Amino acid sequence: MSEQISDKIQDCIQQIRPMLQSDGGDIELVEVTENNDVKVRLQGACRGCPGARMTLKMGVERRLKEQVPGVGEVIPVE
């Protein structure tokens, strides 16, 4: 994936971050794979939260796909 697209993904995650931080959590971009999947690490209150999967799919993934064409899925990593 190009550096420009990686920058767009990082910018989008920076926009999402305050929402997660307001609930005591955070998110870190770990990797963008060759298949355009985005690996992230949830931190703080988000880590292990029962709603974390929904946050990733309905929040983070949806927003990334809207703002950065070509993004695959968002995959949580430890």
Protein backbone atom coordinates (compact mmCIF):
# COMPACT_ATOMS: atom_id res chain seq x y z
CA MET A 1 0.00 0.00 0.00
CA SER A 2 1.32 3.42 -0.85
CA GLU A 3 2.68 5.78 1.76
CA GLN A 4 -0.04 8.28 0.84
CA ILE A 5 -2.80 5.78 1.66
CA SER A 6 -1.05 4.79 4.89
CA ASP A 7 -0.98 8.47 5.83
CA LYS A 8 -4.73 8.75 5.12
CA ILE A 9 -5.39 5.73 7.33
CA GLN A 10 -3.29 7.25 10.12
CA ASP A 11 -5.14 10.57 9.77
CA CYS A 12 -8.49 8.79 10.00
CA ILE A 13 -7.41 6.91 13.12
CA GLN A 14 -6.31 10.22 14.65
CA GLN A 15 -9.85 11.52 14.08
CA ILE A 16 -11.36 8.44 15.76
CA ARG A 17 -8.94 8.48 18.70
CA PRO A 18 -10.66 11.24 20.77
CA MET A 19 -13.93 9.28 20.80
CA LEU A 20 -12.15 6.24 22.23
CA GLN A 21 -10.11 8.31 24.67
CA SER A 22 -13.27 9.89 26.05
CA ASP A 23 -14.28 6.39 27.18
CA GLY A 24 -10.87 5.65 28.69
CA GLY A 25 -9.50 3.73 25.70
CA ASP A 26 -7.25 4.30 22.72
CA ILE A 27 -6.27 2.79 19.39
CA GLU A 28 -2.89 2.27 17.74
CA LEU A 29 -2.22 1.55 14.07
CA VAL A 30 0.02 -1.53 13.94
CA GLU A 31 0.22 -2.40 10.24
CA VAL A 32 -1.41 -2.04 6.85
CA THR A 33 -1.08 -5.38 5.06
CA GLU A 34 -0.52 -6.07 1.37
CA ASN A 35 -4.23 -6.97 1.16
CA ASN A 36 -5.12 -3.49 2.48
CA ASP A 37 -6.29 -4.87 5.83
CA VAL A 38 -5.63 -2.59 8.77
CA LYS A 39 -4.24 -4.10 11.95
CA VAL A 40 -4.88 -2.10 15.10
CA ARG A 41 -4.28 -2.52 18.81
CA LEU A 42 -6.96 -1.39 21.25
CA GLN A 43 -5.66 -0.01 24.51
CA GLY A 44 -6.94 1.06 27.91
CA ALA A 45 -10.64 0.51 28.61
CA CYS A 46 -11.20 -0.62 24.99
CA ARG A 47 -8.95 -3.61 25.41
CA GLY A 48 -11.11 -6.57 26.34
CA CYS A 49 -14.30 -4.47 26.38
CA PRO A 50 -17.39 -6.48 25.35
CA GLY A 51 -18.28 -3.74 22.84
CA ALA A 52 -14.81 -3.60 21.28
CA ARG A 53 -15.71 -5.79 18.29
CA MET A 54 -18.69 -3.60 17.46
CA THR A 55 -16.55 -0.48 17.89
CA LEU A 56 -14.02 -1.89 15.41
CA LYS A 57 -16.55 -3.04 12.80
CA MET A 58 -19.25 -0.37 13.05
CA GLY A 59 -17.00 2.53 13.99
CA VAL A 60 -13.38 2.22 12.95
CA GLU A 61 -13.77 -0.06 9.91
CA ARG A 62 -16.80 1.76 8.54
CA ARG A 63 -15.12 5.14 8.86
CA LEU A 64 -11.87 3.95 7.30
CA LYS A 65 -13.72 2.45 4.33
CA GLU A 66 -15.65 5.71 3.86
CA GLN A 67 -12.55 7.91 3.96
CA VAL A 68 -9.89 5.67 2.41
CA PRO A 69 -11.02 3.73 -0.67
CA GLY A 70 -9.52 0.25 -0.93
CA VAL A 71 -9.29 -0.51 2.79
CA GLY A 72 -10.11 -4.14 3.58
CA GLU A 73 -11.06 -5.15 7.06
CA VAL A 74 -9.89 -3.92 10.44
CA ILE A 75 -8.18 -6.67 12.44
CA PRO A 76 -7.47 -6.37 16.17
CA VAL A 77 -4.07 -7.60 17.39
CA GLU A 78 -2.64 -8.01 20.87
